[in-house]
């Protein structure tokens, strides 16, 4: 039986490390988008209001003083 050894030179090792770091950074930066996509597939669809919630309360005392 012949022994076959695999050899990774430093350039290949650096490329593999760079690939792993890029994948980790991509997942970290787009974590919210990924989780929202997963939740939309498996959970309830959330109603997203792009204007936000604005509550305006009328001041009744100001109307009575006129």
PDB file of N, CA and C in Angstrom:
ATOM      1  N   UNK A   1       0.827  -1.184   0.000  1.00  0.00           N
ATOM      2  CA  UNK A   1       0.000   0.000   0.000  1.00  0.00           C
ATOM      3  C   UNK A   1       0.869   1.244   0.000  1.00  0.00           C
ATOM      4  N   UNK A   2       0.541   2.114  -0.885  1.00  0.00           N
ATOM      5  CA  UNK A   2       1.309   3.357  -0.964  1.00  0.00           C
ATOM      6  C   UNK A   2       0.640   4.432  -0.108  1.00  0.00           C
ATOM      7  N   UNK A   3       1.463   5.224   0.557  1.00  0.00           N
ATOM      8  CA  UNK A   3       0.950   6.337   1.358  1.00  0.00           C
ATOM      9  C   UNK A   3       0.849   7.579   0.477  1.00  0.00           C
ATOM     10  N   UNK A   4      -0.301   8.213   0.503  1.00  0.00           N
ATOM     11  CA  UNK A   4      -0.500   9.450  -0.240  1.00  0.00           C
ATOM     12  C   UNK A   4      -0.735  10.564   0.761  1.00  0.00           C
ATOM     13  N   UNK A   5       0.167  11.525   0.774  1.00  0.00           N
ATOM     14  CA  UNK A   5       0.045  12.647   1.684  1.00  0.00           C
ATOM     15  C   UNK A   5      -0.435  13.866   0.917  1.00  0.00           C
ATOM     16  N   UNK A   6      -1.353  14.600   1.526  1.00  0.00           N
ATOM     17  CA  UNK A   6      -1.820  15.844   0.923  1.00  0.00           C
ATOM     18  C   UNK A   6      -0.974  16.992   1.441  1.00  0.00           C
ATOM     19  N   UNK A   7      -0.663  17.920   0.581  1.00  0.00           N
ATOM     20  CA  UNK A   7       0.157  19.055   0.967  1.00  0.00           C
ATOM     21  C   UNK A   7      -0.578  20.342   0.634  1.00  0.00           C
ATOM     22  N   UNK A   8      -0.720  21.184   1.632  1.00  0.00           N
ATOM     23  CA  UNK A   8      -1.296  22.512   1.439  1.00  0.00           C
ATOM     24  C   UNK A   8      -0.190  23.520   1.659  1.00  0.00           C
ATOM     25  N   UNK A   9       0.139  24.289   0.641  1.00  0.00           N
ATOM     26  CA  UNK A   9       1.151  25.320   0.799  1.00  0.00           C
ATOM     27  C   UNK A   9       0.535  26.507   1.542  1.00  0.00           C
ATOM     28  N   UNK A  10       1.359  27.442   2.034  1.00  0.00           N
ATOM     29  CA  UNK A  10       0.848  28.586   2.805  1.00  0.00           C
ATOM     30  C   UNK A  10      -0.174  29.430   2.028  1.00  0.00           C
ATOM     31  N   UNK A  11      -0.030  29.522   0.719  1.00  0.00           N
ATOM     32  CA  UNK A  11      -0.986  30.290  -0.079  1.00  0.00           C
ATOM     33  C   UNK A  11      -2.368  29.668  -0.055  1.00  0.00           C
ATOM     34  N   UNK A  12      -2.424  28.347  -0.150  1.00  0.00           N
ATOM     35  CA  UNK A  12      -3.711  27.652  -0.095  1.00  0.00           C
ATOM     36  C   UNK A  12      -4.319  27.753   1.293  1.00  0.00           C
ATOM     37  N   UNK A  13      -3.514  27.629   2.321  1.00  0.00           N
ATOM     38  CA  UNK A  13      -4.002  27.776   3.695  1.00  0.00           C
ATOM     39  C   UNK A  13      -4.554  29.165   3.948  1.00  0.00           C
ATOM     40  N   UNK A  14      -3.867  30.192   3.443  1.00  0.00           N
ATOM     41  CA  UNK A  14      -4.343  31.565   3.605  1.00  0.00           C
ATOM     42  C   UNK A  14      -5.653  31.773   2.855  1.00  0.00           C
ATOM     43  N   UNK A  15      -5.787  31.156   1.688  1.00  0.00           N
ATOM     44  CA  UNK A  15      -7.018  31.261   0.911  1.00  0.00           C
ATOM     45  C   UNK A  15      -8.191  30.620   1.656  1.00  0.00           C
ATOM     46  N   UNK A  16      -7.953  29.461   2.265  1.00  0.00           N
ATOM     47  CA  UNK A  16      -9.006  28.790   3.026  1.00  0.00           C
ATOM     48  C   UNK A  16      -9.401  29.629   4.234  1.00  0.00           C
ATOM     49  N   UNK A  17      -8.440  30.188   4.949  1.00  0.00           N
ATOM     50  CA  UNK A  17      -8.730  31.034   6.102  1.00  0.00           C
ATOM     51  C   UNK A  17      -9.499  32.278   5.669  1.00  0.00           C
ATOM     52  N   UNK A  18      -9.100  32.890   4.568  1.00  0.00           N
ATOM     53  CA  UNK A  18      -9.783  34.078   4.061  1.00  0.00           C
ATOM     54  C   UNK A  18     -11.229  33.742   3.676  1.00  0.00           C
ATOM     55  N   UNK A  19     -11.447  32.594   3.093  1.00  0.00           N
ATOM     56  CA  UNK A  19     -12.794  32.162   2.732  1.00  0.00           C
ATOM     57  C   UNK A  19     -13.667  32.003   3.976  1.00  0.00           C
ATOM     58  N   UNK A  20     -13.133  31.377   5.013  1.00  0.00           N
ATOM     59  CA  UNK A  20     -13.891  31.189   6.250  1.00  0.00           C
ATOM     60  C   UNK A  20     -14.208  32.514   6.928  1.00  0.00           C
ATOM     61  N   UNK A  21     -13.269  33.439   6.936  1.00  0.00           N
ATOM     62  CA  UNK A  21     -13.495  34.756   7.533  1.00  0.00           C
ATOM     63  C   UNK A  21     -14.551  35.526   6.733  1.00  0.00           C
ATOM     64  N   UNK A  22     -14.510  35.441   5.414  1.00  0.00           N
ATOM     65  CA  UNK A  22     -15.491  36.128   4.575  1.00  0.00           C
ATOM     66  C   UNK A  22     -16.893  35.560   4.798  1.00  0.00           C
ATOM     67  N   UNK A  23     -17.012  34.260   4.934  1.00  0.00           N
ATOM     68  CA  UNK A  23     -18.310  33.652   5.205  1.00  0.00           C
ATOM     69  C   UNK A  23     -18.833  34.115   6.560  1.00  0.00           C
ATOM     70  N   UNK A  24     -17.979  34.121   7.561  1.00  0.00           N
ATOM     71  CA  UNK A  24     -18.381  34.586   8.893  1.00  0.00           C
ATOM     72  C   UNK A  24     -18.807  36.044   8.893  1.00  0.00           C
ATOM     73  N   UNK A  25     -18.063  36.896   8.175  1.00  0.00           N
ATOM     74  CA  UNK A  25     -18.421  38.311   8.105  1.00  0.00           C
ATOM     75  C   UNK A  25     -19.733  38.505   7.362  1.00  0.00           C
ATOM     76  N   UNK A  26     -19.940  37.751   6.301  1.00  0.00           N
ATOM     77  CA  UNK A  26     -21.190  37.865   5.553  1.00  0.00           C
ATOM     78  C   UNK A  26     -22.394  37.469   6.379  1.00  0.00           C
ATOM     79  N   UNK A  27     -22.272  36.380   7.120  1.00  0.00           N
ATOM     80  CA  UNK A  27     -23.369  35.947   7.982  1.00  0.00           C
ATOM     81  C   UNK A  27     -23.615  36.969   9.084  1.00  0.00           C
ATOM     82  N   UNK A  28     -22.557  37.521   9.653  1.00  0.00           N
ATOM     83  CA  UNK A  28     -22.704  38.506  10.710  1.00  0.00           C
ATOM     84  C   UNK A  28     -23.372  39.775  10.200  1.00  0.00           C
ATOM     85  N   UNK A  29     -22.954  40.262   9.045  1.00  0.00           N
ATOM     86  CA  UNK A  29     -23.494  41.514   8.526  1.00  0.00           C
ATOM     87  C   UNK A  29     -24.938  41.385   8.058  1.00  0.00           C
ATOM     88  N   UNK A  30     -25.301  40.238   7.548  1.00  0.00           N
ATOM     89  CA  UNK A  30     -26.647  40.058   7.023  1.00  0.00           C
ATOM     90  C   UNK A  30     -27.496  39.161   7.915  1.00  0.00           C
ATOM     91  N   UNK A  31     -27.181  39.121   9.208  1.00  0.00           N
ATOM     92  CA  UNK A  31     -27.879  38.269  10.165  1.00  0.00           C
ATOM     93  C   UNK A  31     -29.366  38.594  10.230  1.00  0.00           C
ATOM     94  N   UNK A  32     -29.700  39.875  10.273  1.00  0.00           N
ATOM     95  CA  UNK A  32     -31.093  40.267  10.395  1.00  0.00           C
ATOM     96  C   UNK A  32     -31.896  39.866   9.151  1.00  0.00           C
ATOM     97  N   UNK A  33     -31.309  40.076   7.996  1.00  0.00           N
ATOM     98  CA  UNK A  33     -32.006  39.696   6.761  1.00  0.00           C
ATOM     99  C   UNK A  33     -32.207  38.195   6.687  1.00  0.00           C
ATOM    100  N   UNK A  34     -31.200  37.453   7.107  1.00  0.00           N
ATOM    101  CA  UNK A  34     -31.296  36.000   7.077  1.00  0.00           C
ATOM    102  C   UNK A  34     -32.366  35.516   8.055  1.00  0.00           C
ATOM    103  N   UNK A  35     -32.374  36.047   9.287  1.00  0.00           N
ATOM    104  CA  UNK A  35     -33.358  35.611  10.273  1.00  0.00           C
ATOM    105  C   UNK A  35     -34.764  36.020   9.863  1.00  0.00           C
ATOM    106  N   UNK A  36     -34.921  37.191   9.262  1.00  0.00           N
ATOM    107  CA  UNK A  36     -36.242  37.609   8.785  1.00  0.00           C
ATOM    108  C   UNK A  36     -36.714  36.671   7.681  1.00  0.00           C
ATOM    109  N   UNK A  37     -35.828  36.279   6.794  1.00  0.00           N
ATOM    110  CA  UNK A  37     -36.193  35.344   5.738  1.00  0.00           C
ATOM    111  C   UNK A  37     -36.579  33.986   6.283  1.00  0.00           C
ATOM    112  N   UNK A  38     -35.845  33.509   7.265  1.00  0.00           N
ATOM    113  CA  UNK A  38     -36.164  32.210   7.865  1.00  0.00           C
ATOM    114  C   UNK A  38     -37.496  32.280   8.600  1.00  0.00           C
ATOM    115  N   UNK A  39     -37.733  33.370   9.336  1.00  0.00           N
ATOM    116  CA  UNK A  39     -38.995  33.517  10.054  1.00  0.00           C
ATOM    117  C   UNK A  39     -40.173  33.611   9.096  1.00  0.00           C
ATOM    118  N   UNK A  40     -39.975  34.252   7.954  1.00  0.00           N
ATOM    119  CA  UNK A  40     -41.075  34.372   7.000  1.00  0.00           C
ATOM    120  C   UNK A  40     -41.416  33.027   6.367  1.00  0.00           C
ATOM    121  N   UNK A  41     -40.446  32.151   6.263  1.00  0.00           N
ATOM    122  CA  UNK A  41     -40.714  30.830   5.687  1.00  0.00           C
ATOM    123  C   UNK A  41     -41.426  29.938   6.695  1.00  0.00           C
ATOM    124  N   UNK A  42     -40.995  29.951   7.956  1.00  0.00           N
ATOM    125  CA  UNK A  42     -41.507  29.020   8.950  1.00  0.00           C
ATOM    126  C   UNK A  42     -42.558  29.609   9.882  1.00  0.00           C
ATOM    127  N   UNK A  43     -42.654  30.919   9.967  1.00  0.00           N
ATOM    128  CA  UNK A  43     -43.567  31.516  10.931  1.00  0.00           C
ATOM    129  C   UNK A  43     -44.627  32.366  10.277  1.00  0.00           C
ATOM    130  N   UNK A  44     -45.295  33.141  11.123  1.00  0.00           N
ATOM    131  CA  UNK A  44     -46.300  34.061  10.623  1.00  0.00           C
ATOM    132  C   UNK A  44     -45.632  35.186   9.855  1.00  0.00           C
ATOM    133  N   UNK A  45     -46.344  35.672   8.879  1.00  0.00           N
ATOM    134  CA  UNK A  45     -45.835  36.819   8.129  1.00  0.00           C
ATOM    135  C   UNK A  45     -46.161  38.076   8.920  1.00  0.00           C
ATOM    136  N   UNK A  46     -45.130  38.862   9.193  1.00  0.00           N
ATOM    137  CA  UNK A  46     -45.323  40.074   9.973  1.00  0.00           C
ATOM    138  C   UNK A  46     -45.647  41.231   9.055  1.00  0.00           C
ATOM    139  N   UNK A  47     -46.596  42.060   9.485  1.00  0.00           N
ATOM    140  CA  UNK A  47     -46.946  43.249   8.732  1.00  0.00           C
ATOM    141  C   UNK A  47     -45.928  44.336   9.049  1.00  0.00           C
ATOM    142  N   UNK A  48     -45.183  44.727   8.048  1.00  0.00           N
ATOM    143  CA  UNK A  48     -44.147  45.732   8.254  1.00  0.00           C
ATOM    144  C   UNK A  48     -44.673  47.081   7.812  1.00  0.00           C
ATOM    145  N   UNK A  49     -44.700  48.026   8.744  1.00  0.00           N
ATOM    146  CA  UNK A  49     -45.133  49.379   8.447  1.00  0.00           C
ATOM    147  C   UNK A  49     -43.885  50.230   8.299  1.00  0.00           C
ATOM    148  N   UNK A  50     -43.645  50.726   7.105  1.00  0.00           N
ATOM    149  CA  UNK A  50     -42.428  51.485   6.848  1.00  0.00           C
ATOM    150  C   UNK A  50     -42.485  52.904   7.416  1.00  0.00           C
ATOM    151  N   UNK A  51     -43.688  53.382   7.732  1.00  0.00           N
ATOM    152  CA  UNK A  51     -43.825  54.733   8.289  1.00  0.00           C
ATOM    153  C   UNK A  51     -43.657  54.740   9.800  1.00  0.00           C
ATOM    154  N   UNK A  52     -43.698  53.593  10.421  1.00  0.00           N
ATOM    155  CA  UNK A  52     -43.566  53.525  11.871  1.00  0.00           C
ATOM    156  C   UNK A  52     -44.906  53.793  12.523  1.00  0.00           C
ATOM    157  N   UNK A  53     -44.905  53.844  13.832  1.00  0.00           N
ATOM    158  CA  UNK A  53     -46.137  54.125  14.548  1.00  0.00           C
ATOM    159  C   UNK A  53     -46.055  55.531  15.102  1.00  0.00           C
ATOM    160  N   UNK A  54     -46.997  56.345  14.705  1.00  0.00           N
ATOM    161  CA  UNK A  54     -47.051  57.728  15.167  1.00  0.00           C
ATOM    162  C   UNK A  54     -48.382  57.905  15.874  1.00  0.00           C
ATOM    163  N   UNK A  55     -48.324  58.195  17.152  1.00  0.00           N
ATOM    164  CA  UNK A  55     -49.531  58.430  17.934  1.00  0.00           C
ATOM    165  C   UNK A  55     -49.665  59.923  18.179  1.00  0.00           C
ATOM    166  N   UNK A  56     -50.786  60.483  17.753  1.00  0.00           N
ATOM    167  CA  UNK A  56     -51.045  61.904  17.968  1.00  0.00           C
ATOM    168  C   UNK A  56     -52.253  62.002  18.890  1.00  0.00           C
ATOM    169  N   UNK A  57     -52.018  62.566  20.049  1.00  0.00           N
ATOM    170  CA  UNK A  57     -53.098  62.732  21.013  1.00  0.00           C
ATOM    171  C   UNK A  57     -53.597  64.161  20.938  1.00  0.00           C
ATOM    172  N   UNK A  58     -54.909  64.287  20.922  1.00  0.00           N
ATOM    173  CA  UNK A  58     -55.488  65.616  20.884  1.00  0.00           C
ATOM    174  C   UNK A  58     -55.542  66.171  22.291  1.00  0.00           C
ATOM    175  N   UNK A  59     -55.247  67.441  22.390  1.00  0.00           N
ATOM    176  CA  UNK A  59     -55.306  68.112  23.691  1.00  0.00           C
ATOM    177  C   UNK A  59     -56.679  68.757  23.807  1.00  0.00           C
ATOM    178  N   UNK A  60     -57.571  68.163  24.596  1.00  0.00           N
ATOM    179  CA  UNK A  60     -58.932  68.666  24.742  1.00  0.00           C
ATOM    180  C   UNK A  60     -58.981  69.932  25.573  1.00  0.00           C
ATOM    181  N   UNK A  61     -58.039  70.130  26.484  1.00  0.00           N
ATOM    182  CA  UNK A  61     -58.016  71.337  27.305  1.00  0.00           C
ATOM    183  C   UNK A  61     -57.750  72.565  26.455  1.00  0.00           C
ATOM    184  N   UNK A  62     -56.925  72.446  25.437  1.00  0.00           N
ATOM    185  CA  UNK A  62     -56.603  73.579  24.582  1.00  0.00           C
ATOM    186  C   UNK A  62     -57.837  73.992  23.773  1.00  0.00           C
ATOM    187  N   UNK A  63     -58.686  73.035  23.375  1.00  0.00           N
ATOM    188  CA  UNK A  63     -59.889  73.347  22.624  1.00  0.00           C
ATOM    189  C   UNK A  63     -60.939  74.022  23.511  1.00  0.00           C
ATOM    190  N   UNK A  64     -60.972  73.682  24.782  1.00  0.00           N
ATOM    191  CA  UNK A  64     -61.966  74.262  25.689  1.00  0.00           C
ATOM    192  C   UNK A  64     -61.623  75.681  26.095  1.00  0.00           C
ATOM    193  N   UNK A  65     -60.378  76.076  26.028  1.00  0.00           N
ATOM    194  CA  UNK A  65     -59.949  77.407  26.458  1.00  0.00           C
ATOM    195  C   UNK A  65     -60.138  78.457  25.377  1.00  0.00           C
ATOM    196  N   UNK A  66     -60.598  78.108  24.199  1.00  0.00           N
ATOM    197  CA  UNK A  66     -60.739  79.083  23.122  1.00  0.00           C
ATOM    198  C   UNK A  66     -61.910  79.978  23.348  1.00  0.00           C
TER     199      UNK A  66
END
